[in-house]
Amino acid sequence: MAHTYLHRIDPNANMARFYHIDLAPTLFGEVAVLRHWGRIGTNGRTTIETLPSINEAQQSADRTLRQKSRRGYNPVDAKHG
């Protein structure tokens, strides 16, 4: 899974949010799901979930992406987002 960047922008609600999710190997053979989110232009918040396999990590990331999509987040190009 490549880096996935999402935005949810609604000027009428003064909403400009970002969400970034990525997978990364750990030093102990596990896989970390890295989530970073917040208001566009801020540092935001970060969480790390460590799972035993790439399949479990991918399922967790996919579940999060489906939730964000249902809430109105849209994919953006990381270079231009």
PDB file of N, CA and C in Angstrom:
ATOM      1  N   MET A   1       0.847  -1.178   0.000  1.00  0.00           N
ATOM      2  CA  MET A   1       0.000   0.000   0.000  1.00  0.00           C
ATOM      3  C   MET A   1       0.887   1.234   0.000  1.00  0.00           C
ATOM      4  N   ALA A   2       0.618   2.133  -0.888  1.00  0.00           N
ATOM      5  CA  ALA A   2       1.344   3.396  -0.937  1.00  0.00           C
ATOM      6  C   ALA A   2       0.725   4.367   0.059  1.00  0.00           C
ATOM      7  N   HIS A   3       1.413   5.464   0.266  1.00  0.00           N
ATOM      8  CA  HIS A   3       0.841   6.514   1.102  1.00  0.00           C
ATOM      9  C   HIS A   3      -0.520   6.882   0.539  1.00  0.00           C
ATOM     10  N   THR A   4      -1.496   7.083   1.394  1.00  0.00           N
ATOM     11  CA  THR A   4      -2.809   7.530   0.951  1.00  0.00           C
ATOM     12  C   THR A   4      -3.131   8.830   1.660  1.00  0.00           C
ATOM     13  N   TYR A   5      -3.404   9.862   0.877  1.00  0.00           N
ATOM     14  CA  TYR A   5      -3.754  11.172   1.400  1.00  0.00           C
ATOM     15  C   TYR A   5      -5.201  11.465   1.066  1.00  0.00           C
ATOM     16  N   LEU A   6      -5.957  11.946   2.037  1.00  0.00           N
ATOM     17  CA  LEU A   6      -7.354  12.293   1.846  1.00  0.00           C
ATOM     18  C   LEU A   6      -7.589  13.722   2.339  1.00  0.00           C
ATOM     19  N   HIS A   7      -8.536  14.398   1.709  1.00  0.00           N
ATOM     20  CA  HIS A   7      -8.966  15.723   2.163  1.00  0.00           C
ATOM     21  C   HIS A   7     -10.479  15.739   2.271  1.00  0.00           C
ATOM     22  N   ARG A   8     -10.970  16.532   3.200  1.00  0.00           N
ATOM     23  CA  ARG A   8     -12.396  16.814   3.295  1.00  0.00           C
ATOM     24  C   ARG A   8     -12.511  18.317   3.465  1.00  0.00           C
ATOM     25  N   ILE A   9     -12.988  18.977   2.436  1.00  0.00           N
ATOM     26  CA  ILE A   9     -13.061  20.433   2.445  1.00  0.00           C
ATOM     27  C   ILE A   9     -14.509  20.854   2.199  1.00  0.00           C
ATOM     28  N   ASP A  10     -15.042  21.639   3.120  1.00  0.00           N
ATOM     29  CA  ASP A  10     -16.393  22.187   3.002  1.00  0.00           C
ATOM     30  C   ASP A  10     -16.351  23.628   3.483  1.00  0.00           C
ATOM     31  N   PRO A  11     -16.227  24.590   2.550  1.00  0.00           N
ATOM     32  CA  PRO A  11     -16.133  25.999   2.949  1.00  0.00           C
ATOM     33  C   PRO A  11     -17.352  26.484   3.738  1.00  0.00           C
ATOM     34  N   ASN A  12     -18.525  25.946   3.440  1.00  0.00           N
ATOM     35  CA  ASN A  12     -19.739  26.372   4.152  1.00  0.00           C
ATOM     36  C   ASN A  12     -19.695  26.008   5.632  1.00  0.00           C
ATOM     37  N   ALA A  13     -19.007  24.945   5.960  1.00  0.00           N
ATOM     38  CA  ALA A  13     -18.880  24.506   7.353  1.00  0.00           C
ATOM     39  C   ALA A  13     -17.529  24.897   7.946  1.00  0.00           C
ATOM     40  N   ASN A  14     -16.737  25.702   7.219  1.00  0.00           N
ATOM     41  CA  ASN A  14     -15.395  26.087   7.645  1.00  0.00           C
ATOM     42  C   ASN A  14     -14.561  24.844   7.972  1.00  0.00           C
ATOM     43  N   MET A  15     -14.670  23.835   7.097  1.00  0.00           N
ATOM     44  CA  MET A  15     -13.986  22.568   7.319  1.00  0.00           C
ATOM     45  C   MET A  15     -12.912  22.364   6.254  1.00  0.00           C
ATOM     46  N   ALA A  16     -11.704  22.099   6.701  1.00  0.00           N
ATOM     47  CA  ALA A  16     -10.588  21.780   5.804  1.00  0.00           C
ATOM     48  C   ALA A  16      -9.702  20.783   6.547  1.00  0.00           C
ATOM     49  N   ARG A  17      -9.963  19.499   6.337  1.00  0.00           N
ATOM     50  CA  ARG A  17      -9.265  18.448   7.078  1.00  0.00           C
ATOM     51  C   ARG A  17      -8.444  17.567   6.144  1.00  0.00           C
ATOM     52  N   PHE A  18      -7.397  16.977   6.719  1.00  0.00           N
ATOM     53  CA  PHE A  18      -6.585  16.016   5.974  1.00  0.00           C
ATOM     54  C   PHE A  18      -6.519  14.721   6.761  1.00  0.00           C
ATOM     55  N   TYR A  19      -6.237  13.632   6.059  1.00  0.00           N
ATOM     56  CA  TYR A  19      -6.025  12.331   6.675  1.00  0.00           C
ATOM     57  C   TYR A  19      -4.984  11.611   5.837  1.00  0.00           C
ATOM     58  N   HIS A  20      -3.971  11.080   6.483  1.00  0.00           N
ATOM     59  CA  HIS A  20      -2.889  10.364   5.797  1.00  0.00           C
ATOM     60  C   HIS A  20      -2.735   9.014   6.482  1.00  0.00           C
ATOM     61  N   ILE A  21      -2.652   7.967   5.677  1.00  0.00           N
ATOM     62  CA  ILE A  21      -2.462   6.625   6.236  1.00  0.00           C
ATOM     63  C   ILE A  21      -1.362   5.919   5.448  1.00  0.00           C
ATOM     64  N   ASP A  22      -0.536   5.165   6.166  1.00  0.00           N
ATOM     65  CA  ASP A  22       0.588   4.482   5.537  1.00  0.00           C
ATOM     66  C   ASP A  22       0.901   3.213   6.327  1.00  0.00           C
ATOM     67  N   LEU A  23       1.559   2.269   5.677  1.00  0.00           N
ATOM     68  CA  LEU A  23       2.031   1.048   6.327  1.00  0.00           C
ATOM     69  C   LEU A  23       3.550   1.062   6.333  1.00  0.00           C
ATOM     70  N   ALA A  24       4.147   0.579   7.437  1.00  0.00           N
ATOM     71  CA  ALA A  24       5.607   0.552   7.537  1.00  0.00           C
ATOM     72  C   ALA A  24       6.035  -0.656   8.366  1.00  0.00           C
ATOM     73  N   PRO A  25       7.120  -1.321   7.962  1.00  0.00           N
ATOM     74  CA  PRO A  25       7.620  -2.452   8.754  1.00  0.00           C
ATOM     75  C   PRO A  25       8.251  -1.950  10.055  1.00  0.00           C
ATOM     76  N   THR A  26       8.168  -2.777  11.086  1.00  0.00           N
ATOM     77  CA  THR A  26       8.842  -2.452  12.345  1.00  0.00           C
ATOM     78  C   THR A  26      10.141  -3.247  12.418  1.00  0.00           C
ATOM     79  N   LEU A  27      10.950  -2.963  13.402  1.00  0.00           N
ATOM     80  CA  LEU A  27      12.214  -3.680  13.577  1.00  0.00           C
ATOM     81  C   LEU A  27      12.015  -5.113  14.069  1.00  0.00           C
ATOM     82  N   PHE A  28      10.787  -5.432  14.500  1.00  0.00           N
ATOM     83  CA  PHE A  28      10.529  -6.748  15.082  1.00  0.00           C
ATOM     84  C   PHE A  28       9.704  -7.638  14.167  1.00  0.00           C
ATOM     85  N   GLY A  29       9.618  -7.306  12.878  1.00  0.00           N
ATOM     86  CA  GLY A  29       8.918  -8.143  11.912  1.00  0.00           C
ATOM     87  C   GLY A  29       7.425  -7.915  11.838  1.00  0.00           C
ATOM     88  N   GLU A  30       6.923  -6.933  12.567  1.00  0.00           N
ATOM     89  CA  GLU A  30       5.507  -6.615  12.512  1.00  0.00           C
ATOM     90  C   GLU A  30       5.301  -5.485  11.497  1.00  0.00           C
ATOM     91  N   VAL A  31       4.057  -5.057  11.360  1.00  0.00           N
ATOM     92  CA  VAL A  31       3.747  -3.964  10.436  1.00  0.00           C
ATOM     93  C   VAL A  31       2.963  -2.899  11.199  1.00  0.00           C
ATOM     94  N   ALA A  32       3.390  -1.655  11.036  1.00  0.00           N
ATOM     95  CA  ALA A  32       2.720  -0.538  11.699  1.00  0.00           C
ATOM     96  C   ALA A  32       1.799   0.169  10.715  1.00  0.00           C
ATOM     97  N   VAL A  33       0.588   0.500  11.192  1.00  0.00           N
ATOM     98  CA  VAL A  33      -0.338   1.324  10.433  1.00  0.00           C
ATOM     99  C   VAL A  33      -0.209   2.729  11.025  1.00  0.00           C
ATOM    100  N   LEU A  34       0.303   3.648  10.223  1.00  0.00           N
ATOM    101  CA  LEU A  34       0.532   5.015  10.670  1.00  0.00           C
ATOM    102  C   LEU A  34      -0.618   5.883  10.184  1.00  0.00           C
ATOM    103  N   ARG A  35      -1.274   6.575  11.106  1.00  0.00           N
ATOM    104  CA  ARG A  35      -2.383   7.463  10.758  1.00  0.00           C
ATOM    105  C   ARG A  35      -2.045   8.873  11.242  1.00  0.00           C
ATOM    106  N   HIS A  36      -2.242   9.836  10.359  1.00  0.00           N
ATOM    107  CA  HIS A  36      -1.952  11.236  10.692  1.00  0.00           C
ATOM    108  C   HIS A  36      -3.114  12.068  10.166  1.00  0.00           C
ATOM    109  N   TRP A  37      -3.705  12.914  11.034  1.00  0.00           N
ATOM    110  CA  TRP A  37      -4.879  13.668  10.621  1.00  0.00           C
ATOM    111  C   TRP A  37      -4.951  15.005  11.342  1.00  0.00           C
ATOM    112  N   GLY A  38      -5.787  15.886  10.806  1.00  0.00           N
ATOM    113  CA  GLY A  38      -6.007  17.172  11.447  1.00  0.00           C
ATOM    114  C   GLY A  38      -6.533  18.198  10.473  1.00  0.00           C
ATOM    115  N   ARG A  39      -6.539  19.442  10.907  1.00  0.00           N
ATOM    116  CA  ARG A  39      -6.962  20.550  10.061  1.00  0.00           C
ATOM    117  C   ARG A  39      -5.807  20.896   9.125  1.00  0.00           C
ATOM    118  N   ILE A  40      -6.122  21.127   7.861  1.00  0.00           N
ATOM    119  CA  ILE A  40      -5.097  21.485   6.887  1.00  0.00           C
ATOM    120  C   ILE A  40      -4.386  22.740   7.371  1.00  0.00           C
ATOM    121  N   GLY A  41      -3.067  22.715   7.360  1.00  0.00           N
ATOM    122  CA  GLY A  41      -2.259  23.836   7.819  1.00  0.00           C
ATOM    123  C   GLY A  41      -1.770  23.699   9.255  1.00  0.00           C
ATOM    124  N   THR A  42      -2.204  22.624   9.950  1.00  0.00           N
ATOM    125  CA  THR A  42      -1.738  22.380  11.315  1.00  0.00           C
ATOM    126  C   THR A  42      -0.851  21.139  11.336  1.00  0.00           C
ATOM    127  N   ASN A  43      -0.226  20.889  12.484  1.00  0.00           N
ATOM    128  CA  ASN A  43       0.598  19.690  12.639  1.00  0.00           C
ATOM    129  C   ASN A  43      -0.246  18.431  12.733  1.00  0.00           C
ATOM    130  N   GLY A  44      -1.456  18.544  13.228  1.00  0.00           N
ATOM    131  CA  GLY A  44      -2.340  17.396  13.348  1.00  0.00           C
ATOM    132  C   GLY A  44      -1.928  16.441  14.450  1.00  0.00           C
ATOM    133  N   ARG A  45      -2.519  15.263  14.410  1.00  0.00           N
ATOM    134  CA  ARG A  45      -2.258  14.216  15.399  1.00  0.00           C
ATOM    135  C   ARG A  45      -1.826  12.955  14.678  1.00  0.00           C
ATOM    136  N   THR A  46      -1.153  12.060  15.411  1.00  0.00           N
ATOM    137  CA  THR A  46      -0.659  10.819  14.823  1.00  0.00           C
ATOM    138  C   THR A  46      -0.929   9.654  15.765  1.00  0.00           C
ATOM    139  N   THR A  47      -1.312   8.511  15.182  1.00  0.00           N
ATOM    140  CA  THR A  47      -1.391   7.271  15.948  1.00  0.00           C
ATOM    141  C   THR A  47      -0.643   6.188  15.174  1.00  0.00           C
ATOM    142  N   ILE A  48      -0.190   5.192  15.917  1.00  0.00           N
ATOM    143  CA  ILE A  48       0.493   4.041  15.327  1.00  0.00           C
ATOM    144  C   ILE A  48      -0.150   2.781  15.887  1.00  0.00           C
ATOM    145  N   GLU A  49      -0.606   1.926  14.982  1.00  0.00           N
ATOM    146  CA  GLU A  49      -1.177   0.636  15.368  1.00  0.00           C
ATOM    147  C   GLU A  49      -0.238  -0.439  14.835  1.00  0.00           C
ATOM    148  N   THR A  50       0.241  -1.321  15.702  1.00  0.00           N
ATOM    149  CA  THR A  50       1.167  -2.375  15.292  1.00  0.00           C
ATOM    150  C   THR A  50       0.418  -3.700  15.202  1.00  0.00           C
ATOM    151  N   LEU A  51       0.561  -4.348  14.044  1.00  0.00           N
ATOM    152  CA  LEU A  51      -0.125  -5.615  13.805  1.00  0.00           C
ATOM    153  C   LEU A  51       0.901  -6.676  13.380  1.00  0.00           C
ATOM    154  N   PRO A  52       0.587  -7.959  13.591  1.00  0.00           N
ATOM    155  CA  PRO A  52       1.575  -9.007  13.333  1.00  0.00           C
ATOM    156  C   PRO A  52       1.869  -9.294  11.870  1.00  0.00           C
ATOM    157  N   SER A  53       0.951  -8.967  10.950  1.00  0.00           N
ATOM    158  CA  SER A  53       1.192  -9.316   9.544  1.00  0.00           C
ATOM    159  C   SER A  53       0.773  -8.188   8.613  1.00  0.00           C
ATOM    160  N   ILE A  54       1.297  -8.220   7.403  1.00  0.00           N
ATOM    161  CA  ILE A  54       0.950  -7.224   6.390  1.00  0.00           C
ATOM    162  C   ILE A  54      -0.536  -7.322   6.029  1.00  0.00           C
ATOM    163  N   ASN A  55      -1.067  -8.546   6.007  1.00  0.00           N
ATOM    164  CA  ASN A  55      -2.486  -8.717   5.672  1.00  0.00           C
ATOM    165  C   ASN A  55      -3.392  -8.053   6.700  1.00  0.00           C
ATOM    166  N   GLU A  56      -3.105  -8.239   7.973  1.00  0.00           N
ATOM    167  CA  GLU A  56      -3.909  -7.616   9.020  1.00  0.00           C
ATOM    168  C   GLU A  56      -3.775  -6.093   8.984  1.00  0.00           C
ATOM    169  N   ALA A  57      -2.562  -5.609   8.728  1.00  0.00           N
ATOM    170  CA  ALA A  57      -2.340  -4.168   8.646  1.00  0.00           C
ATOM    171  C   ALA A  57      -3.099  -3.581   7.460  1.00  0.00           C
ATOM    172  N   GLN A  58      -3.065  -4.265   6.328  1.00  0.00           N
ATOM    173  CA  GLN A  58      -3.771  -3.795   5.135  1.00  0.00           C
ATOM    174  C   GLN A  58      -5.283  -3.770   5.370  1.00  0.00           C
ATOM    175  N   GLN A  59      -5.803  -4.786   6.049  1.00  0.00           N
ATOM    176  CA  GLN A  59      -7.234  -4.821   6.357  1.00  0.00           C
ATOM    177  C   GLN A  59      -7.625  -3.654   7.261  1.00  0.00           C
ATOM    178  N   SER A  60      -6.802  -3.364   8.249  1.00  0.00           N
ATOM    179  CA  SER A  60      -7.073  -2.249   9.157  1.00  0.00           C
ATOM    180  C   SER A  60      -7.050  -0.925   8.398  1.00  0.00           C
ATOM    181  N   ALA A  61      -6.057  -0.741   7.535  1.00  0.00           N
ATOM    182  CA  ALA A  61      -5.956   0.489   6.746  1.00  0.00           C
ATOM    183  C   ALA A  61      -7.150   0.622   5.803  1.00  0.00           C
ATOM    184  N   ASP A  62      -7.521  -0.474   5.150  1.00  0.00           N
ATOM    185  CA  ASP A  62      -8.659  -0.449   4.228  1.00  0.00           C
ATOM    186  C   ASP A  62      -9.956  -0.102   4.955  1.00  0.00           C
ATOM    187  N   ARG A  63     -10.134  -0.644   6.147  1.00  0.00           N
ATOM    188  CA  ARG A  63     -11.323  -0.347   6.949  1.00  0.00           C
ATOM    189  C   ARG A  63     -11.390   1.150   7.266  1.00  0.00           C
ATOM    190  N   THR A  64     -10.265   1.721   7.654  1.00  0.00           N
ATOM    191  CA  THR A  64     -10.217   3.148   7.953  1.00  0.00           C
ATOM    192  C   THR A  64     -10.527   3.976   6.708  1.00  0.00           C
ATOM    193  N   LEU A  65      -9.958   3.587   5.569  1.00  0.00           N
ATOM    194  CA  LEU A  65     -10.205   4.330   4.332  1.00  0.00           C
ATOM    195  C   LEU A  65     -11.679   4.267   3.926  1.00  0.00           C
ATOM    196  N   ARG A  66     -12.327   3.135   4.115  1.00  0.00           N
ATOM    197  CA  ARG A  66     -13.767   3.035   3.814  1.00  0.00           C
ATOM    198  C   ARG A  66     -14.567   3.971   4.717  1.00  0.00           C
ATOM    199  N   GLN A  67     -14.217   4.017   6.012  1.00  0.00           N
ATOM    200  CA  GLN A  67     -14.910   4.904   6.946  1.00  0.00           C
ATOM    201  C   GLN A  67     -14.744   6.358   6.534  1.00  0.00           C
ATOM    202  N   LYS A  68     -13.525   6.736   6.185  1.00  0.00           N
ATOM    203  CA  LYS A  68     -13.261   8.122   5.796  1.00  0.00           C
ATOM    204  C   LYS A  68     -13.991   8.476   4.504  1.00  0.00           C
ATOM    205  N   SER A  69     -14.037   7.539   3.575  1.00  0.00           N
ATOM    206  CA  SER A  69     -14.745   7.768   2.317  1.00  0.00           C
ATOM    207  C   SER A  69     -16.234   8.011   2.569  1.00  0.00           C
ATOM    208  N   ARG A  70     -16.830   7.223   3.464  1.00  0.00           N
ATOM    209  CA  ARG A  70     -18.250   7.410   3.804  1.00  0.00           C
ATOM    210  C   ARG A  70     -18.488   8.768   4.456  1.00  0.00           C
ATOM    211  N   ARG A  71     -17.483   9.313   5.124  1.00  0.00           N
ATOM    212  CA  ARG A  71     -17.618  10.608   5.797  1.00  0.00           C
ATOM    213  C   ARG A  71     -17.280  11.789   4.892  1.00  0.00           C
ATOM    214  N   GLY A  72     -16.993  11.518   3.631  1.00  0.00           N
ATOM    215  CA  GLY A  72     -16.791  12.602   2.678  1.00  0.00           C
ATOM    216  C   GLY A  72     -15.362  12.948   2.351  1.00  0.00           C
ATOM    217  N   TYR A  73     -14.396  12.154   2.816  1.00  0.00           N
ATOM    218  CA  TYR A  73     -13.001  12.392   2.478  1.00  0.00           C
ATOM    219  C   TYR A  73     -12.732  11.895   1.059  1.00  0.00           C
ATOM    220  N   ASN A  74     -11.919  12.636   0.308  1.00  0.00           N
ATOM    221  CA  ASN A  74     -11.582  12.281  -1.068  1.00  0.00           C
ATOM    222  C   ASN A  74     -10.075  12.177  -1.224  1.00  0.00           C
ATOM    223  N   PRO A  75      -9.597  11.223  -2.039  1.00  0.00           N
ATOM    224  CA  PRO A  75      -8.152  11.090  -2.268  1.00  0.00           C
ATOM    225  C   PRO A  75      -7.577  12.312  -2.973  1.00  0.00           C
ATOM    226  N   VAL A  76      -6.359  12.666  -2.622  1.00  0.00           N
ATOM    227  CA  VAL A  76      -5.650  13.769  -3.283  1.00  0.00           C
ATOM    228  C   VAL A  76      -4.241  13.314  -3.606  1.00  0.00           C
ATOM    229  N   ASP A  77      -3.642  13.969  -4.575  1.00  0.00           N
ATOM    230  CA  ASP A  77      -2.237  13.720  -4.935  1.00  0.00           C
ATOM    231  C   ASP A  77      -1.388  14.322  -3.831  1.00  0.00           C
ATOM    232  N   ALA A  78      -0.536  13.532  -3.200  1.00  0.00           N
ATOM    233  CA  ALA A  78       0.273  13.995  -2.064  1.00  0.00           C
ATOM    234  C   ALA A  78       1.164  15.176  -2.446  1.00  0.00           C
ATOM    235  N   LYS A  79       1.598  15.255  -3.700  1.00  0.00           N
ATOM    236  CA  LYS A  79       2.487  16.333  -4.117  1.00  0.00           C
ATOM    237  C   LYS A  79       1.739  17.655  -4.278  1.00  0.00           C
ATOM    238  N   HIS A  80       0.445  17.560  -4.561  1.00  0.00           N
ATOM    239  CA  HIS A  80      -0.333  18.767  -4.831  1.00  0.00           C
ATOM    240  C   HIS A  80      -1.432  18.991  -3.816  1.00  0.00           C
ATOM    241  N   GLY A  81      -1.568  18.082  -2.838  1.00  0.00           N
ATOM    242  CA  GLY A  81      -2.674  18.147  -1.898  1.00  0.00           C
ATOM    243  C   GLY A  81      -2.442  19.103  -0.813  1.00  0.00           C
TER     244      GLY A  81
END
